[in-house]
Protein backbone atom coordinates (compact mmCIF):
# COMPACT_ATOMS: atom_id res chain seq x y z
CA UNK A 1 0.15 0.06 0.33
CA UNK A 2 1.14 3.24 -1.04
CA UNK A 3 1.86 6.63 1.64
CA UNK A 4 -1.22 8.06 -0.53
CA UNK A 5 -3.82 4.88 -0.30
CA UNK A 6 -2.64 4.87 3.44
CA UNK A 7 -2.97 8.34 4.11
CA UNK A 8 -6.49 8.53 2.21
CA UNK A 9 -7.81 5.28 4.39
CA UNK A 10 -6.58 6.97 7.36
CA UNK A 11 -8.24 10.46 7.22
CA UNK A 12 -11.48 8.58 5.66
CA UNK A 13 -11.67 6.52 8.70
CA UNK A 14 -11.16 9.38 11.32
CA UNK A 15 -13.62 11.08 9.15
CA UNK A 16 -16.64 9.07 9.30
CA UNK A 17 -16.16 7.77 12.86
CA UNK A 18 -15.07 11.17 14.35
CA UNK A 19 -16.67 13.97 12.43
CA UNK A 20 -15.09 17.04 12.29
CA UNK A 21 -12.03 18.48 14.30
CA UNK A 22 -13.10 21.12 17.01
CA UNK A 23 -13.02 24.50 15.41
CA UNK A 24 -9.82 25.78 16.86
CA UNK A 25 -8.31 23.06 15.85
CA UNK A 26 -9.65 22.87 12.34
CA UNK A 27 -7.47 24.27 9.27
CA UNK A 28 -10.30 25.48 7.28
CA UNK A 29 -11.34 27.94 10.01
CA UNK A 30 -7.90 29.45 9.21
CA UNK A 31 -8.08 29.62 5.70
CA UNK A 32 -9.53 33.25 4.27
CA UNK A 33 -7.38 34.94 6.60
CA UNK A 34 -5.79 37.03 3.60
CA UNK A 35 -9.13 37.41 2.54
CA UNK A 36 -10.65 38.49 5.83
CA UNK A 37 -7.57 41.00 6.12
CA UNK A 38 -8.34 42.93 2.77
CA UNK A 39 -12.15 42.55 3.07
CA UNK A 40 -11.46 44.60 6.46
CA UNK A 41 -8.73 46.97 4.78
CA UNK A 42 -10.31 47.78 2.11
CA UNK A 43 -14.16 48.68 3.22
CA UNK A 44 -15.56 50.85 0.76
CA UNK A 45 -14.80 48.79 -2.33
CA UNK A 46 -15.63 51.40 -4.98
CA UNK A 47 -13.10 50.78 -7.45
CA UNK A 48 -13.81 47.42 -8.87
CA UNK A 49 -10.58 46.92 -10.29
CA UNK A 50 -9.02 47.46 -6.72
CA UNK A 51 -11.64 44.90 -5.37
CA UNK A 52 -11.11 42.32 -8.16
CA UNK A 53 -7.14 42.66 -7.87
CA UNK A 54 -7.23 42.12 -3.80
CA UNK A 55 -9.59 39.22 -4.04
CA UNK A 56 -7.56 37.61 -6.50
CA UNK A 57 -4.38 38.67 -4.84
CA UNK A 58 -5.22 37.14 -1.46
CA UNK A 59 -6.54 33.99 -2.94
CA UNK A 60 -3.57 33.07 -4.98
CA UNK A 61 -1.38 34.24 -2.18
CA UNK A 62 -3.22 32.10 0.61
CA UNK A 63 -3.19 28.83 -2.24
CA UNK A 64 0.70 28.89 -1.91
CA UNK A 65 0.74 29.53 1.60
CA UNK A 66 -1.24 26.22 2.13
CA UNK A 67 0.91 24.48 -0.58
CA UNK A 68 4.24 25.71 1.31
CA UNK A 69 2.68 24.06 4.30
CA UNK A 70 2.28 20.65 2.44
CA UNK A 71 5.71 21.18 1.18
CA UNK A 72 7.04 21.50 4.67
CA UNK A 73 5.36 18.33 5.60
CA UNK A 74 7.14 16.43 2.50
CA UNK A 75 10.19 17.43 3.93
CA UNK A 76 9.92 16.30 7.41
CA UNK A 77 12.25 13.31 7.94
CA UNK A 78 10.59 11.57 10.61
CA UNK A 79 8.11 9.49 9.01
CA UNK A 80 5.34 8.74 11.16
CA UNK A 81 5.23 12.52 12.15
CA UNK A 82 4.61 13.39 8.28
CA UNK A 83 2.33 10.98 7.73
CA UNK A 84 0.42 12.11 10.75
CA UNK A 85 0.42 16.12 9.62
CA UNK A 86 -0.69 14.79 6.50
CA UNK A 87 -3.47 12.60 7.69
CA UNK A 88 -4.51 15.88 9.97
CA UNK A 89 -4.85 18.39 6.71
CA UNK A 90 -6.26 15.66 4.28
CA UNK A 91 -9.16 15.31 6.61
CA UNK A 92 -9.58 18.54 7.30
CA UNK A 93 -10.42 18.81 3.38
CA UNK A 94 -13.52 17.36 3.40
CA UNK A 95 -16.71 16.49 5.47
CA UNK A 96 -18.47 13.11 5.67
CA UNK A 97 -20.05 12.76 8.90
CA UNK A 98 -20.80 16.28 9.69
CA UNK A 99 -23.15 16.72 6.77
CA UNK A 100 -24.66 13.72 7.43
CA UNK A 101 -24.97 14.60 11.20
CA UNK A 102 -26.59 18.21 10.14
CA UNK A 103 -29.10 17.03 7.78
CA UNK A 104 -30.29 14.41 9.76
CA UNK A 105 -31.21 17.36 12.30
CA UNK A 106 -33.45 18.03 10.07
CA UNK A 107 -35.45 15.31 10.85
CA UNK A 108 -37.90 17.31 12.98
CA UNK A 109 -41.55 18.12 13.01
CA UNK A 110 -41.24 21.28 15.18
CA UNK A 111 -41.36 23.82 12.50
CA UNK A 112 -39.14 26.12 14.84
CA UNK A 113 -36.28 23.53 15.52
CA UNK A 114 -36.33 22.62 11.69
CA UNK A 115 -35.68 26.04 11.06
CA UNK A 116 -32.97 26.74 13.03
CA UNK A 117 -31.34 23.56 11.75
CA UNK A 118 -31.62 24.43 8.42
CA UNK A 119 -30.25 27.99 8.88
CA UNK A 120 -26.65 26.24 9.94
CA UNK A 121 -26.71 24.52 6.60
CA UNK A 122 -27.94 26.79 3.59
CA UNK A 123 -27.03 30.73 2.62
CA UNK A 124 -30.43 31.68 1.97
CA UNK A 125 -33.26 33.47 4.27
CA UNK A 126 -35.35 30.66 5.89
CA UNK A 127 -37.12 32.93 8.13
CA UNK A 128 -40.35 32.96 5.69
CA UNK A 129 -40.07 29.37 4.33
CA UNK A 130 -42.72 26.15 5.16
CA UNK A 131 -41.61 22.93 6.41
CA UNK A 132 -41.67 21.31 3.00
CA UNK A 133 -39.69 24.21 1.22
CA UNK A 134 -37.40 23.71 4.44
CA UNK A 135 -37.11 19.86 4.16
CA UNK A 136 -36.31 20.65 0.16
CA UNK A 137 -33.49 23.14 1.46
CA UNK A 138 -31.83 20.60 3.64
CA UNK A 139 -32.08 17.66 1.30
CA UNK A 140 -30.64 20.34 -1.72
CA UNK A 141 -27.75 20.90 0.72
CA UNK A 142 -27.02 17.78 1.04
CA UNK A 143 -26.85 16.84 -2.66
CA UNK A 144 -24.93 19.86 -3.48
CA UNK A 145 -22.33 19.32 -1.00
CA UNK A 146 -21.49 15.53 -1.67
CA UNK A 147 -19.70 17.29 -4.67
CA UNK A 148 -18.54 20.42 -2.75
CA UNK A 149 -17.22 18.57 0.19
CA UNK A 150 -16.47 15.25 -0.34
CA UNK A 151 -16.22 14.74 -4.45
CA UNK A 152 -13.80 17.97 -5.18
CA UNK A 153 -11.25 17.38 -2.24
CA UNK A 154 -11.04 13.63 -2.98
CA UNK A 155 -11.05 14.12 -6.95
CA UNK A 156 -8.09 16.63 -6.53
CA UNK A 157 -6.54 14.22 -4.05
CA UNK A 158 -6.35 11.85 -6.38
CA UNK A 159 -5.03 13.74 -9.16
CA UNK A 160 -2.59 15.72 -7.30
CA UNK A 161 -2.26 14.58 -4.06
CA UNK A 162 -2.51 16.33 -0.81
CA UNK A 163 -1.64 19.57 -2.62
CA UNK A 164 -4.89 19.03 -4.77
CA UNK A 165 -7.05 18.54 -1.91
CA UNK A 166 -5.66 21.88 0.03
CA UNK A 167 -5.57 23.93 -2.67
CA UNK A 168 -9.55 22.89 -3.91
CA UNK A 169 -10.50 23.57 -0.09
CA UNK A 170 -8.85 26.91 -0.21
CA UNK A 171 -10.34 28.18 -3.29
CA UNK A 172 -14.11 26.41 -2.01
CA UNK A 173 -13.47 28.24 1.06
CA UNK A 174 -12.83 31.70 -0.62
CA UNK A 175 -15.93 31.22 -2.80
CA UNK A 176 -18.19 30.40 0.44
CA UNK A 177 -16.68 33.45 2.40
CA UNK A 178 -17.04 35.89 -0.66
CA UNK A 179 -18.38 34.78 -3.82
CA UNK A 180 -21.38 36.62 -3.22
CA UNK A 181 -23.24 39.20 -6.04
CA UNK A 182 -23.63 42.03 -3.40
CA UNK A 183 -22.49 45.58 -3.55
CA UNK A 184 -19.66 44.38 -1.05
CA UNK A 185 -18.40 41.44 -2.91
CA UNK A 186 -19.12 41.65 -6.64
CA UNK A 187 -15.84 42.16 -7.36
CA UNK A 188 -13.76 41.57 -4.68
CA UNK A 189 -15.04 37.86 -5.02
CA UNK A 190 -15.39 37.69 -8.19
CA UNK A 191 -12.15 35.45 -9.17
CA UNK A 192 -12.35 32.90 -5.79
CA UNK A 193 -15.95 32.17 -7.66
CA UNK A 194 -15.00 31.79 -11.19
CA UNK A 195 -12.24 29.57 -10.32
CA UNK A 196 -14.34 27.53 -8.00
CA UNK A 197 -16.84 27.27 -10.49
CA UNK A 198 -13.81 25.80 -13.16
CA UNK A 199 -12.74 23.49 -10.31
CA UNK A 200 -16.30 22.09 -9.62
CA UNK A 201 -17.34 21.54 -13.33
CA UNK A 202 -15.74 17.68 -13.20
CA UNK A 203 -17.07 17.15 -9.43
CA UNK A 204 -20.28 17.99 -10.02
CA UNK A 205 -21.03 15.70 -12.92
CA UNK A 206 -19.11 12.75 -11.59
CA UNK A 207 -21.13 13.02 -8.58
CA UNK A 208 -24.38 13.46 -10.61
CA UNK A 209 -23.28 10.30 -12.60
CA UNK A 210 -22.59 8.18 -9.20
CA UNK A 211 -26.48 9.55 -8.08
CA UNK A 212 -28.00 8.41 -11.40
CA UNK A 213 -26.91 4.76 -10.94
CA UNK A 214 -29.95 4.69 -8.52
CA UNK A 215 -32.75 5.02 -10.37
CA UNK A 216 -30.75 6.08 -14.11
CA UNK A 217 -34.24 6.76 -16.07
CA UNK A 218 -36.16 9.16 -13.42
CA UNK A 219 -32.66 10.71 -12.29
CA UNK A 220 -31.66 11.24 -15.97
CA UNK A 221 -35.15 13.10 -16.74
CA UNK A 222 -34.40 15.47 -13.83
CA UNK A 223 -30.98 16.16 -14.73
CA UNK A 224 -31.71 17.03 -18.23
CA UNK A 225 -34.64 19.55 -17.24
CA UNK A 226 -32.70 21.42 -14.13
CA UNK A 227 -29.15 20.42 -14.23
CA UNK A 228 -27.95 23.62 -16.49
CA UNK A 229 -29.98 26.34 -13.82
CA UNK A 230 -26.79 26.75 -12.37
CA UNK A 231 -23.38 25.90 -13.76
CA UNK A 232 -22.28 23.14 -10.80
CA UNK A 233 -24.93 23.31 -8.02
CA UNK A 234 -27.86 21.87 -10.17
CA UNK A 235 -26.18 18.86 -11.36
CA UNK A 236 -26.22 16.40 -8.32
CA UNK A 237 -29.09 18.15 -6.97
CA UNK A 238 -31.49 17.48 -10.09
CA UNK A 239 -30.11 13.43 -9.95
CA UNK A 240 -31.19 13.63 -6.64
CA UNK A 241 -34.38 14.87 -6.72
CA UNK A 242 -34.96 12.61 -9.66
CA UNK A 243 -33.53 9.53 -8.22
CA UNK A 244 -35.82 10.63 -4.90
CA UNK A 245 -38.61 11.76 -6.80
CA UNK A 246 -39.30 14.70 -5.27
CA UNK A 247 -39.37 18.15 -5.97
CA UNK A 248 -36.96 21.00 -4.85
CA UNK A 249 -37.53 24.71 -5.04
CA UNK A 250 -35.32 27.99 -3.87
CA UNK A 251 -38.47 30.84 -4.12
CA UNK A 252 -37.88 33.05 -7.03
CA UNK A 253 -34.68 31.09 -8.34
CA UNK A 254 -36.07 27.15 -9.42
CA UNK A 255 -38.71 24.96 -8.98
CA UNK A 256 -38.53 21.32 -9.97
CA UNK A 257 -41.52 19.21 -11.03
CA UNK A 258 -43.19 17.07 -8.62
CA UNK A 259 -44.44 17.05 -4.67
CA UNK A 260 -42.33 19.04 -2.16
CA UNK A 261 -40.48 16.74 0.24
CA UNK A 262 -41.95 15.60 3.71
CA UNK A 263 -39.94 14.81 7.11
CA UNK A 264 -39.48 10.57 5.72
CA UNK A 265 -37.65 12.21 2.25
CA UNK A 266 -34.83 13.62 4.71
CA UNK A 267 -33.69 10.08 5.77
CA UNK A 268 -34.85 8.94 2.17
CA UNK A 269 -32.12 11.29 1.23
CA UNK A 270 -29.68 10.24 3.80
CA UNK A 271 -30.30 6.61 2.53
CA UNK A 272 -29.26 7.27 -0.67
CA UNK A 273 -26.35 9.64 0.16
CA UNK A 274 -24.75 6.71 2.81
CA UNK A 275 -24.88 4.59 -1.18
CA UNK A 276 -23.55 7.43 -3.29
CA UNK A 277 -20.59 8.07 -0.87
CA UNK A 278 -19.70 4.18 -0.83
CA UNK A 279 -19.26 4.22 -4.22
CA UNK A 280 -17.51 7.52 -4.30
CA UNK A 281 -14.92 6.32 -1.95
CA UNK A 282 -14.77 2.83 -3.77
CA UNK A 283 -13.61 4.32 -7.08
CA UNK A 284 -10.93 7.30 -5.27
CA UNK A 285 -9.14 4.34 -3.13
CA UNK A 286 -9.10 1.85 -6.27
CA UNK A 287 -7.71 5.34 -8.29
CA UNK A 288 -5.22 6.16 -5.89
CA UNK A 289 -4.09 2.32 -5.76
CA UNK A 290 -3.75 2.15 -9.76
CA UNK A 291 -2.30 5.56 -10.14
């Protein structure tokens, strides 16, 4: 077994058993520090060119910083110490158990409690959503984040090792922090958002293909109709909705045909999630073995 495969298997096992690191020990918590610094430094955002440059400069510099950290780990002569640090960093690049738990917490009847849990996993305003649309938001987040939180980092780890996984996670974190079309971040977050779009073209479609295995006919029907609504996110979402036979709706943006989800559909979504993750992990491990 190569070191690359060993690191991957240990990191996956740790995440599946223990979930996320505590916030103070989580590397992703500290990603985006340059972007946050420039965001506070250049608060006016009145000059689009300067805002764009600062967003681009901070992202590129931060990628270089984390790549330098990985390079330092590779330079450590004590094998077991180098291995532990690499496992620690790789495990931080993806999230399997935490995503499952956050969505499982949404299997509740009380609308206020449901709204609270859904607000933790989506960026949209949930204050006026009814229960079916809250359940919809939870399952949408589950399906979309398979690509962003799992397929993406594992794919780039397979292709480029720890350098690829960490660079992907930095870019995805910047998009999550700054990739919004608001007066504040329209230009500052434009470069991170576009790079994130580019990097997720393959993971989103690969995730959708794996999801389709569990109901190819209906999943493909939804994918053809709704996959292109967004450049990446609606590919796994539409396939997931098709396999489950439910509608997803983000008010004012999109609505898939079919009935809106009920509480039991959240558990069905989690069951599908586990099957998709099993296949994805198997493919990644085999790919790393033969690479």
